[in-house]
PDB file of all heavy atoms in Angstrom:
ATOM      1  N   ASP A   1     160.308 131.200 174.074  1.00  0.00           N
ATOM      2  CA  ASP A   1     161.518 130.470 173.743  1.00  0.00           C
ATOM      3  C   ASP A   1     162.757 131.256 174.154  1.00  0.00           C
ATOM      4  O   ASP A   1     163.760 130.696 174.635  1.00  0.00           O
ATOM      5  CB  ASP A   1     161.567 130.217 172.246  1.00  0.00           C
ATOM      6  CG  ASP A   1     160.544 129.155 171.813  1.00  0.00           C
ATOM      7  OD1 ASP A   1     159.985 128.456 172.671  1.00  0.00           O
ATOM      8  OD2 ASP A   1     160.275 129.050 170.589  1.00  0.00           O
ATOM      9  N   ALA A   2     162.715 132.594 173.984  1.00  0.00           N
ATOM     10  CA  ALA A   2     163.877 133.415 174.282  1.00  0.00           C
ATOM     11  C   ALA A   2     164.121 133.500 175.757  1.00  0.00           C
ATOM     12  O   ALA A   2     165.269 133.586 176.221  1.00  0.00           O
ATOM     13  CB  ALA A   2     163.704 134.791 173.666  1.00  0.00           C
ATOM     14  N   ALA A   3     163.021 133.513 176.566  1.00  0.00           N
ATOM     15  CA  ALA A   3     163.194 133.739 178.002  1.00  0.00           C
ATOM     16  C   ALA A   3     162.970 132.482 178.837  1.00  0.00           C
ATOM     17  O   ALA A   3     163.043 132.548 180.084  1.00  0.00           O
ATOM     18  CB  ALA A   3     162.191 134.821 178.460  1.00  0.00           C
ATOM     19  N   ASP A   4     162.697 131.327 178.170  1.00  0.00           N
ATOM     20  CA  ASP A   4     162.365 130.090 178.925  1.00  0.00           C
ATOM     21  C   ASP A   4     161.163 130.331 179.844  1.00  0.00           C
ATOM     22  O   ASP A   4     161.129 129.847 181.003  1.00  0.00           O
ATOM     23  CB  ASP A   4     163.560 129.611 179.725  1.00  0.00           C
ATOM     24  CG  ASP A   4     163.680 128.065 179.619  1.00  0.00           C
ATOM     25  OD1 ASP A   4     162.736 127.418 179.093  1.00  0.00           O
ATOM     26  OD2 ASP A   4     164.665 127.513 180.090  1.00  0.00           O
ATOM     27  N   GLY A   5     160.169 131.024 179.315  1.00  0.00           N
ATOM     28  CA  GLY A   5     158.946 131.260 180.056  1.00  0.00           C
ATOM     29  C   GLY A   5     158.669 132.717 180.286  1.00  0.00           C
ATOM     30  O   GLY A   5     159.575 133.512 180.483  1.00  0.00           O
ATOM     31  N   VAL A   6     157.398 133.086 180.269  1.00  0.00           N
ATOM     32  CA  VAL A   6     156.969 134.476 180.433  1.00  0.00           C
ATOM     33  C   VAL A   6     155.857 134.493 181.441  1.00  0.00           C
ATOM     34  O   VAL A   6     154.862 133.752 181.326  1.00  0.00           O
ATOM     35  CB  VAL A   6     156.491 135.114 179.086  1.00  0.00           C
ATOM     36  CG1 VAL A   6     156.075 136.540 179.317  1.00  0.00           C
ATOM     37  CG2 VAL A   6     157.573 135.027 178.045  1.00  0.00           C
ATOM     38  N   PHE A   7     155.920 135.383 182.437  1.00  0.00           N
ATOM     39  CA  PHE A   7     154.911 135.485 183.457  1.00  0.00           C
ATOM     40  C   PHE A   7     153.716 136.369 183.049  1.00  0.00           C
ATOM     41  O   PHE A   7     153.957 137.468 182.550  1.00  0.00           O
ATOM     42  CB  PHE A   7     155.496 136.063 184.766  1.00  0.00           C
ATOM     43  CG  PHE A   7     156.527 135.175 185.448  1.00  0.00           C
ATOM     44  CD1 PHE A   7     157.858 135.230 185.052  1.00  0.00           C
ATOM     45  CD2 PHE A   7     156.151 134.355 186.493  1.00  0.00           C
ATOM     46  CE1 PHE A   7     158.810 134.429 185.689  1.00  0.00           C
ATOM     47  CE2 PHE A   7     157.087 133.556 187.126  1.00  0.00           C
ATOM     48  CZ  PHE A   7     158.409 133.574 186.737  1.00  0.00           C
ATOM     49  N   TRP A   8     152.518 135.885 183.268  1.00  0.00           N
ATOM     50  CA  TRP A   8     151.375 136.740 183.046  1.00  0.00           C
ATOM     51  C   TRP A   8     151.064 137.479 184.371  1.00  0.00           C
ATOM     52  O   TRP A   8     151.466 137.051 185.424  1.00  0.00           O
ATOM     53  CB  TRP A   8     150.149 135.947 182.570  1.00  0.00           C
ATOM     54  CG  TRP A   8     149.497 135.023 183.590  1.00  0.00           C
ATOM     55  CD1 TRP A   8     149.671 133.674 183.728  1.00  0.00           C
ATOM     56  CD2 TRP A   8     148.522 135.399 184.601  1.00  0.00           C
ATOM     57  NE1 TRP A   8     148.912 133.191 184.744  1.00  0.00           N
ATOM     58  CE2 TRP A   8     148.204 134.231 185.319  1.00  0.00           C
ATOM     59  CE3 TRP A   8     147.915 136.589 184.976  1.00  0.00           C
ATOM     60  CZ2 TRP A   8     147.300 134.193 186.359  1.00  0.00           C
ATOM     61  CZ3 TRP A   8     147.023 136.564 186.067  1.00  0.00           C
ATOM     62  CH2 TRP A   8     146.728 135.376 186.736  1.00  0.00           C
ATOM     63  N   PRO A   9     150.375 138.645 184.291  1.00  0.00           N
ATOM     64  CA  PRO A   9     149.878 139.328 183.086  1.00  0.00           C
ATOM     65  C   PRO A   9     151.014 139.962 182.292  1.00  0.00           C
ATOM     66  O   PRO A   9     151.980 140.456 182.884  1.00  0.00           O
ATOM     67  CB  PRO A   9     148.933 140.377 183.664  1.00  0.00           C
ATOM     68  CG  PRO A   9     149.446 140.656 185.018  1.00  0.00           C
ATOM     69  CD  PRO A   9     149.964 139.360 185.536  1.00  0.00           C
ATOM     70  N   CYS A  10     150.827 139.961 180.983  1.00  0.00           N
ATOM     71  CA  CYS A  10     151.804 140.531 180.076  1.00  0.00           C
ATOM     72  C   CYS A  10     151.058 141.139 178.897  1.00  0.00           C
ATOM     73  O   CYS A  10     150.912 140.487 177.854  1.00  0.00           O
ATOM     74  CB  CYS A  10     152.780 139.467 179.633  1.00  0.00           C
ATOM     75  SG  CYS A  10     154.129 140.054 178.628  1.00  0.00           S
ATOM     76  N   PRO A  11     150.567 142.381 179.024  1.00  0.00           N
ATOM     77  CA  PRO A  11     149.698 142.945 178.013  1.00  0.00           C
ATOM     78  C   PRO A  11     150.372 143.302 176.700  1.00  0.00           C
ATOM     79  O   PRO A  11     149.730 143.289 175.659  1.00  0.00           O
ATOM     80  CB  PRO A  11     149.181 144.233 178.665  1.00  0.00           C
ATOM     81  CG  PRO A  11     149.409 144.049 180.124  1.00  0.00           C
ATOM     82  CD  PRO A  11     150.655 143.219 180.240  1.00  0.00           C
ATOM     83  N   ARG A  12     151.705 143.587 176.719  1.00  0.00           N
ATOM     84  CA  ARG A  12     152.381 144.051 175.498  1.00  0.00           C
ATOM     85  C   ARG A  12     153.725 143.338 175.329  1.00  0.00           C
ATOM     86  O   ARG A  12     154.412 143.066 176.300  1.00  0.00           O
ATOM     87  CB  ARG A  12     152.604 145.547 175.542  1.00  0.00           C
ATOM     88  CG  ARG A  12     151.313 146.402 175.565  1.00  0.00           C
ATOM     89  CD  ARG A  12     151.661 147.867 175.807  1.00  0.00           C
ATOM     90  NE  ARG A  12     152.618 148.330 174.787  1.00  0.00           N
ATOM     91  CZ  ARG A  12     152.290 148.867 173.596  1.00  0.00           C
ATOM     92  NH1 ARG A  12     151.010 148.933 173.249  1.00  0.00           N
ATOM     93  NH2 ARG A  12     153.219 149.264 172.775  1.00  0.00           N
ATOM     94  N   GLU A  13     154.072 143.102 174.095  1.00  0.00           N
ATOM     95  CA  GLU A  13     155.352 142.422 173.805  1.00  0.00           C
ATOM     96  C   GLU A  13     156.542 143.313 174.121  1.00  0.00           C
ATOM     97  O   GLU A  13     157.634 142.811 174.374  1.00  0.00           O
ATOM     98  CB  GLU A  13     155.404 141.994 172.348  1.00  0.00           C
ATOM     99  CG  GLU A  13     154.562 140.791 172.017  1.00  0.00           C
ATOM    100  CD  GLU A  13     154.924 140.201 170.674  1.00  0.00           C
ATOM    101  OE1 GLU A  13     156.016 139.624 170.514  1.00  0.00           O
ATOM    102  OE2 GLU A  13     154.109 140.366 169.729  1.00  0.00           O
ATOM    103  N   ASP A  14     156.364 144.624 174.065  1.00  0.00           N
ATOM    104  CA  ASP A  14     157.465 145.533 174.323  1.00  0.00           C
ATOM    105  C   ASP A  14     157.562 145.966 175.769  1.00  0.00           C
ATOM    106  O   ASP A  14     158.258 146.904 176.110  1.00  0.00           O
ATOM    107  CB  ASP A  14     157.381 146.754 173.404  1.00  0.00           C
ATOM    108  CG  ASP A  14     156.065 147.535 173.568  1.00  0.00           C
ATOM    109  OD1 ASP A  14     155.222 147.081 174.328  1.00  0.00           O
ATOM    110  OD2 ASP A  14     155.913 148.558 172.891  1.00  0.00           O
ATOM    111  N   GLU A  15     156.817 145.304 176.649  1.00  0.00           N
ATOM    112  CA  GLU A  15     156.864 145.603 178.086  1.00  0.00           C
ATOM    113  C   GLU A  15     157.294 144.367 178.875  1.00  0.00           C
ATOM    114  O   GLU A  15     157.156 143.243 178.406  1.00  0.00           O
ATOM    115  CB  GLU A  15     155.511 146.055 178.578  1.00  0.00           C
ATOM    116  CG  GLU A  15     155.056 147.389 178.031  1.00  0.00           C
ATOM    117  CD  GLU A  15     153.711 147.846 178.562  1.00  0.00           C
ATOM    118  OE1 GLU A  15     153.070 147.062 179.329  1.00  0.00           O
ATOM    119  OE2 GLU A  15     153.284 148.953 178.227  1.00  0.00           O
ATOM    120  N   ALA A  16     157.772 144.594 180.088  1.00  0.00           N
ATOM    121  CA  ALA A  16     158.215 143.496 180.928  1.00  0.00           C
ATOM    122  C   ALA A  16     157.019 142.648 181.360  1.00  0.00           C
ATOM    123  O   ALA A  16     155.867 143.134 181.427  1.00  0.00           O
ATOM    124  CB  ALA A  16     158.942 144.043 182.160  1.00  0.00           C
ATOM    125  N   ASP A  17     157.293 141.381 181.655  1.00  0.00           N
ATOM    126  CA  ASP A  17     156.239 140.510 182.190  1.00  0.00           C
ATOM    127  C   ASP A  17     156.148 140.720 183.710  1.00  0.00           C
ATOM    128  O   ASP A  17     156.700 141.698 184.249  1.00  0.00           O
ATOM    129  CB  ASP A  17     156.502 139.049 181.839  1.00  0.00           C
ATOM    130  CG  ASP A  17     157.806 138.511 182.393  1.00  0.00           C
ATOM    131  OD1 ASP A  17     158.631 139.338 182.875  1.00  0.00           O
ATOM    132  OD2 ASP A  17     158.035 137.304 182.350  1.00  0.00           O
ATOM    133  N   SER A  18     155.408 139.831 184.434  1.00  0.00           N
ATOM    134  CA  SER A  18     155.081 140.098 185.848  1.00  0.00           C
ATOM    135  C   SER A  18     155.423 138.929 186.754  1.00  0.00           C
ATOM    136  O   SER A  18     154.546 138.235 187.259  1.00  0.00           O
ATOM    137  CB  SER A  18     153.585 140.385 185.934  1.00  0.00           C
ATOM    138  OG  SER A  18     153.175 141.389 185.033  1.00  0.00           O
ATOM    139  N   PRO A  19     156.730 138.713 186.997  1.00  0.00           N
ATOM    140  CA  PRO A  19     157.059 137.599 187.937  1.00  0.00           C
ATOM    141  C   PRO A  19     156.560 137.861 189.361  1.00  0.00           C
ATOM    142  O   PRO A  19     156.299 136.920 190.102  1.00  0.00           O
ATOM    143  CB  PRO A  19     158.605 137.573 187.863  1.00  0.00           C
ATOM    144  CG  PRO A  19     159.037 138.878 187.318  1.00  0.00           C
ATOM    145  CD  PRO A  19     157.926 139.347 186.443  1.00  0.00           C
ATOM    146  N   ARG A  20     156.417 139.148 189.725  1.00  0.00           N
ATOM    147  CA  ARG A  20     155.939 139.479 191.072  1.00  0.00           C
ATOM    148  C   ARG A  20     154.722 140.376 190.971  1.00  0.00           C
ATOM    149  O   ARG A  20     154.704 141.340 190.205  1.00  0.00           O
ATOM    150  CB  ARG A  20     157.047 140.203 191.853  1.00  0.00           C
ATOM    151  CG  ARG A  20     158.275 139.411 192.099  1.00  0.00           C
ATOM    152  CD  ARG A  20     159.287 140.192 192.920  1.00  0.00           C
ATOM    153  NE  ARG A  20     160.550 139.462 192.946  1.00  0.00           N
ATOM    154  CZ  ARG A  20     160.822 138.445 193.733  1.00  0.00           C
ATOM    155  NH1 ARG A  20     159.902 138.048 194.583  1.00  0.00           N
ATOM    156  NH2 ARG A  20     161.975 137.844 193.706  1.00  0.00           N
ATOM    157  N   LEU A  21     153.728 140.056 191.738  1.00  0.00           N
ATOM    158  CA  LEU A  21     152.501 140.811 191.786  1.00  0.00           C
ATOM    159  C   LEU A  21     152.409 141.587 193.106  1.00  0.00           C
ATOM    160  O   LEU A  21     153.084 141.251 194.083  1.00  0.00           O
ATOM    161  CB  LEU A  21     151.288 139.920 191.632  1.00  0.00           C
ATOM    162  CG  LEU A  21     151.209 139.072 190.371  1.00  0.00           C
ATOM    163  CD1 LEU A  21     149.916 138.222 190.372  1.00  0.00           C
ATOM    164  CD2 LEU A  21     151.275 139.922 189.107  1.00  0.00           C
ATOM    165  N   PHE A  22     151.534 142.604 193.150  1.00  0.00           N
ATOM    166  CA  PHE A  22     151.126 143.310 194.338  1.00  0.00           C
ATOM    167  C   PHE A  22     152.159 144.233 194.989  1.00  0.00           C
ATOM    168  O   PHE A  22     151.961 144.695 196.086  1.00  0.00           O
ATOM    169  CB  PHE A  22     150.634 142.322 195.447  1.00  0.00           C
ATOM    170  CG  PHE A  22     149.731 141.242 194.952  1.00  0.00           C
ATOM    171  CD1 PHE A  22     149.805 139.959 195.515  1.00  0.00           C
ATOM    172  CD2 PHE A  22     148.768 141.475 193.945  1.00  0.00           C
ATOM    173  CE1 PHE A  22     148.950 138.961 195.077  1.00  0.00           C
ATOM    174  CE2 PHE A  22     147.937 140.449 193.529  1.00  0.00           C
ATOM    175  CZ  PHE A  22     148.030 139.190 194.069  1.00  0.00           C
ATOM    176  N   ALA A  23     153.226 144.551 194.251  1.00  0.00           N
ATOM    177  CA  ALA A  23     154.221 145.446 194.858  1.00  0.00           C
ATOM    178  C   ALA A  23     153.626 146.811 195.154  1.00  0.00           C
ATOM    179  O   ALA A  23     153.898 147.419 196.179  1.00  0.00           O
ATOM    180  CB  ALA A  23     155.409 145.583 193.935  1.00  0.00           C
ATOM    181  N   ASP A  24     152.790 147.313 194.246  1.00  0.00           N
ATOM    182  CA  ASP A  24     152.249 148.679 194.403  1.00  0.00           C
ATOM    183  C   ASP A  24     150.727 148.670 194.632  1.00  0.00           C
ATOM    184  O   ASP A  24     150.188 149.548 195.319  1.00  0.00           O
ATOM    185  CB  ASP A  24     152.528 149.518 193.146  1.00  0.00           C
ATOM    186  CG  ASP A  24     154.019 149.604 192.843  1.00  0.00           C
ATOM    187  OD1 ASP A  24     154.764 149.898 193.807  1.00  0.00           O
ATOM    188  OD2 ASP A  24     154.437 149.348 191.711  1.00  0.00           O
ATOM    189  N   ARG A  25     150.047 147.704 194.024  1.00  0.00           N
ATOM    190  CA  ARG A  25     148.584 147.685 194.157  1.00  0.00           C
ATOM    191  C   ARG A  25     148.099 146.247 193.931  1.00  0.00           C
ATOM    192  O   ARG A  25     148.798 145.398 193.341  1.00  0.00           O
ATOM    193  CB  ARG A  25     147.891 148.599 193.181  1.00  0.00           C
ATOM    194  CG  ARG A  25     148.189 148.357 191.705  1.00  0.00           C
ATOM    195  CD  ARG A  25     147.426 149.354 190.793  1.00  0.00           C
ATOM    196  NE  ARG A  25     146.017 149.023 190.720  1.00  0.00           N
ATOM    197  CZ  ARG A  25     145.065 149.803 191.133  1.00  0.00           C
ATOM    198  NH1 ARG A  25     145.294 151.019 191.629  1.00  0.00           N
ATOM    199  NH2 ARG A  25     143.777 149.443 191.038  1.00  0.00           N
ATOM    200  N   PHE A  26     146.864 146.001 194.371  1.00  0.00           N
ATOM    201  CA  PHE A  26     146.218 144.705 194.101  1.00  0.00           C
ATOM    202  C   PHE A  26     145.302 144.849 192.908  1.00  0.00           C
ATOM    203  O   PHE A  26     145.038 145.986 192.437  1.00  0.00           O
ATOM    204  CB  PHE A  26     145.478 144.235 195.358  1.00  0.00           C
ATOM    205  CG  PHE A  26     146.388 143.926 196.488  1.00  0.00           C
ATOM    206  CD1 PHE A  26     146.677 144.887 197.464  1.00  0.00           C
ATOM    207  CD2 PHE A  26     146.963 142.674 196.635  1.00  0.00           C
ATOM    208  CE1 PHE A  26     147.555 144.623 198.508  1.00  0.00           C
ATOM    209  CE2 PHE A  26     147.845 142.384 197.659  1.00  0.00           C
ATOM    210  CZ  PHE A  26     148.113 143.362 198.618  1.00  0.00           C
ATOM    211  N   ALA A  27     144.811 143.749 192.408  1.00  0.00           N
ATOM    212  CA  ALA A  27     144.031 143.783 191.159  1.00  0.00           C
ATOM    213  C   ALA A  27     142.541 144.042 191.427  1.00  0.00           C
ATOM    214  O   ALA A  27     141.657 143.430 190.831  1.00  0.00           O
ATOM    215  CB  ALA A  27     144.218 142.458 190.400  1.00  0.00           C
TER     216      ALA A  27
END
C-alpha cells in the first residue's frame, strides 16, 4: 500500500525490493 507495489524477490521487510534483476549475478 505504501509503495503501490513491491517487486519480488524481497526476502526482508527492512531491505529494498528487486525492480531489476541480474545486475551482478544470475540466479
